[in-house]
Amino acid sequence: MTDRDMNASGDSPSDTSPSAEAAFRRAAEDAIERDEAWELADLVLRIAQEAASREWAQSCCIQLSRHHSAEVRGNAVTGFGHLARRFGRVEPQGVRRRVEIALHDPSAYVRSQARSAALDLHTFLGWELEVDEV
């Protein structure tokens, strides 16, 4: 997905104006609907790092943390750490469970990203998650 795809007006994707945010959301939701792993792997990180709404970004990360692609799942879990850093909070019910599940994912990549997210959640929110040593 290119910046042009994310914002037809030519504004930077990090532009937080309501029209830019709406265009970003529409493009992201269209990409989620297309369900192309190569596109979603980068997109989920952009959502976590750039979306103005924590609730919407968190919802996208939760949804994509269940994706069939390990790269998408791992990046979605990484997104929880970005959200904790950016907003100083995430909803514990959904996020904690998704990180705990990811810590036991069959994919080493997802487990590694989950360990990193658990560290971020501890650093920024004081959460304690049980992380196995590697």
Protein backbone atom coordinates (compact mmCIF):
# COMPACT_ATOMS: atom_id res chain seq x y z
CA MET A 1 0.00 0.00 0.00
CA THR A 2 1.47 3.35 -0.96
CA ASP A 3 1.00 6.74 0.65
CA ARG A 4 -1.08 7.66 -2.37
CA ASP A 5 -3.42 4.75 -1.65
CA MET A 6 -3.75 5.89 1.94
CA ASN A 7 -4.63 9.50 1.16
CA ALA A 8 -5.96 10.57 -2.20
CA SER A 9 -5.81 14.29 -1.28
CA GLY A 10 -2.01 14.24 -1.35
CA ASP A 11 -1.72 15.07 2.34
CA SER A 12 0.80 13.18 4.39
CA PRO A 13 -0.74 10.05 5.97
CA SER A 14 0.30 11.39 9.37
CA ASP A 15 -1.90 14.47 8.79
CA THR A 16 -4.43 14.37 11.61
CA SER A 17 -7.11 16.51 9.96
CA PRO A 18 -10.56 14.87 10.03
CA SER A 19 -10.56 14.38 6.26
CA ALA A 20 -7.09 12.82 6.25
CA GLU A 21 -8.01 10.51 9.14
CA ALA A 22 -11.24 9.50 7.38
CA ALA A 23 -9.34 8.74 4.17
CA PHE A 24 -6.75 6.75 6.15
CA ARG A 25 -9.51 4.72 7.84
CA ARG A 26 -11.35 4.03 4.58
CA ALA A 27 -8.17 2.87 2.87
CA ALA A 28 -7.20 0.73 5.87
CA GLU A 29 -10.64 -0.85 6.12
CA ASP A 30 -10.61 -1.56 2.37
CA ALA A 31 -7.22 -3.26 2.75
CA ILE A 32 -8.50 -5.34 5.68
CA GLU A 33 -11.44 -6.38 3.51
CA ARG A 34 -9.07 -7.41 0.66
CA ASP A 35 -7.15 -9.53 3.19
CA GLU A 36 -3.80 -9.53 1.39
CA ALA A 37 -1.16 -10.51 3.97
CA TRP A 38 1.65 -8.60 2.23
CA GLU A 39 -0.42 -5.42 2.49
CA LEU A 40 -1.72 -5.98 6.03
CA ALA A 41 1.69 -6.71 7.55
CA ASP A 42 2.80 -3.10 6.97
CA LEU A 43 -0.63 -1.57 7.36
CA VAL A 44 -1.21 -2.80 10.91
CA LEU A 45 1.99 -1.09 12.04
CA ARG A 46 0.96 2.14 10.31
CA ILE A 47 -2.42 1.98 12.02
CA ALA A 48 -0.80 1.53 15.44
CA GLN A 49 1.71 4.31 14.82
CA GLU A 50 -0.46 6.87 13.04
CA ALA A 51 -4.19 6.47 13.71
CA ALA A 52 -5.74 9.30 15.72
CA SER A 53 -8.25 7.03 17.46
CA ARG A 54 -6.81 4.59 19.99
CA GLU A 55 -10.06 2.65 20.08
CA TRP A 56 -10.18 2.13 16.32
CA ALA A 57 -6.46 1.29 16.08
CA GLN A 58 -6.76 -1.16 18.97
CA SER A 59 -9.77 -2.82 17.34
CA CYS A 60 -7.81 -3.25 14.10
CA CYS A 61 -4.82 -4.70 15.96
CA ILE A 62 -7.05 -7.14 17.86
CA GLN A 63 -8.73 -8.24 14.64
CA LEU A 64 -5.44 -8.67 12.79
CA SER A 65 -3.81 -10.48 15.72
CA ARG A 66 -6.06 -13.40 14.69
CA HIS A 67 -4.93 -13.35 11.04
CA HIS A 68 -3.78 -16.53 9.26
CA SER A 69 -0.44 -14.89 8.38
CA ALA A 70 2.19 -15.04 11.13
CA GLU A 71 3.74 -11.78 9.94
CA VAL A 72 0.39 -9.98 10.22
CA ARG A 73 -0.29 -11.53 13.66
CA GLY A 74 3.15 -10.61 14.93
CA ASN A 75 2.96 -7.05 13.67
CA ALA A 76 -0.54 -6.65 15.12
CA VAL A 77 0.76 -7.70 18.54
CA THR A 78 3.66 -5.26 18.15
CA GLY A 79 1.01 -2.63 17.53
CA PHE A 80 -0.27 -3.01 21.10
CA GLY A 81 3.10 -1.79 22.37
CA HIS A 82 2.95 1.21 20.02
CA LEU A 83 -0.54 2.05 21.26
CA ALA A 84 0.59 1.82 24.89
CA ARG A 85 3.48 4.19 24.16
CA ARG A 86 1.40 6.66 22.13
CA PHE A 87 -1.76 6.79 24.22
CA GLY A 88 -0.64 5.66 27.67
CA ARG A 89 -3.39 3.05 27.83
CA VAL A 90 -5.10 0.19 26.04
CA GLU A 91 -8.14 -1.83 27.02
CA PRO A 92 -6.78 -4.62 29.21
CA GLN A 93 -9.46 -7.24 28.51
CA GLY A 94 -8.86 -7.70 24.79
CA VAL A 95 -5.22 -6.71 24.55
CA ARG A 96 -3.89 -8.77 27.46
CA ARG A 97 -5.60 -11.91 26.13
CA ARG A 98 -4.29 -11.41 22.58
CA VAL A 99 -0.70 -10.93 23.85
CA GLU A 100 -0.96 -13.99 26.13
CA ILE A 101 -2.19 -16.08 23.19
CA ALA A 102 0.59 -14.73 20.96
CA LEU A 103 3.21 -15.71 23.54
CA HIS A 104 2.28 -19.33 22.77
CA ASP A 105 1.78 -18.96 19.01
CA PRO A 106 3.25 -21.73 16.81
CA SER A 107 5.27 -19.06 14.97
CA ALA A 108 8.60 -18.02 16.49
CA TYR A 109 8.13 -14.59 14.88
CA VAL A 110 4.79 -14.04 16.62
CA ARG A 111 6.19 -15.24 19.96
CA SER A 112 9.14 -12.85 19.60
CA GLN A 113 6.87 -9.92 18.79
CA ALA A 114 4.63 -10.86 21.73
CA ARG A 115 7.63 -10.81 24.11
CA SER A 116 8.50 -7.36 22.80
CA ALA A 117 4.90 -6.18 23.22
CA ALA A 118 4.79 -7.58 26.75
CA LEU A 119 7.93 -5.56 27.59
CA ASP A 120 6.36 -2.41 26.10
CA LEU A 121 3.15 -3.00 28.04
CA HIS A 122 5.21 -3.35 31.21
CA THR A 123 7.29 -0.26 30.44
CA PHE A 124 4.44 2.04 29.49
CA LEU A 125 1.52 0.64 31.50
CA GLY A 126 3.11 -1.35 34.32
CA TRP A 127 1.50 -4.61 33.18
CA GLU A 128 2.99 -7.90 34.32
CA LEU A 129 2.68 -10.70 31.78
CA GLU A 130 4.23 -14.11 32.19
CA VAL A 131 6.87 -14.39 29.49
CA ASP A 132 8.82 -17.61 28.94
CA GLU A 133 12.56 -17.19 28.59
CA VAL A 134 13.99 -18.06 25.18
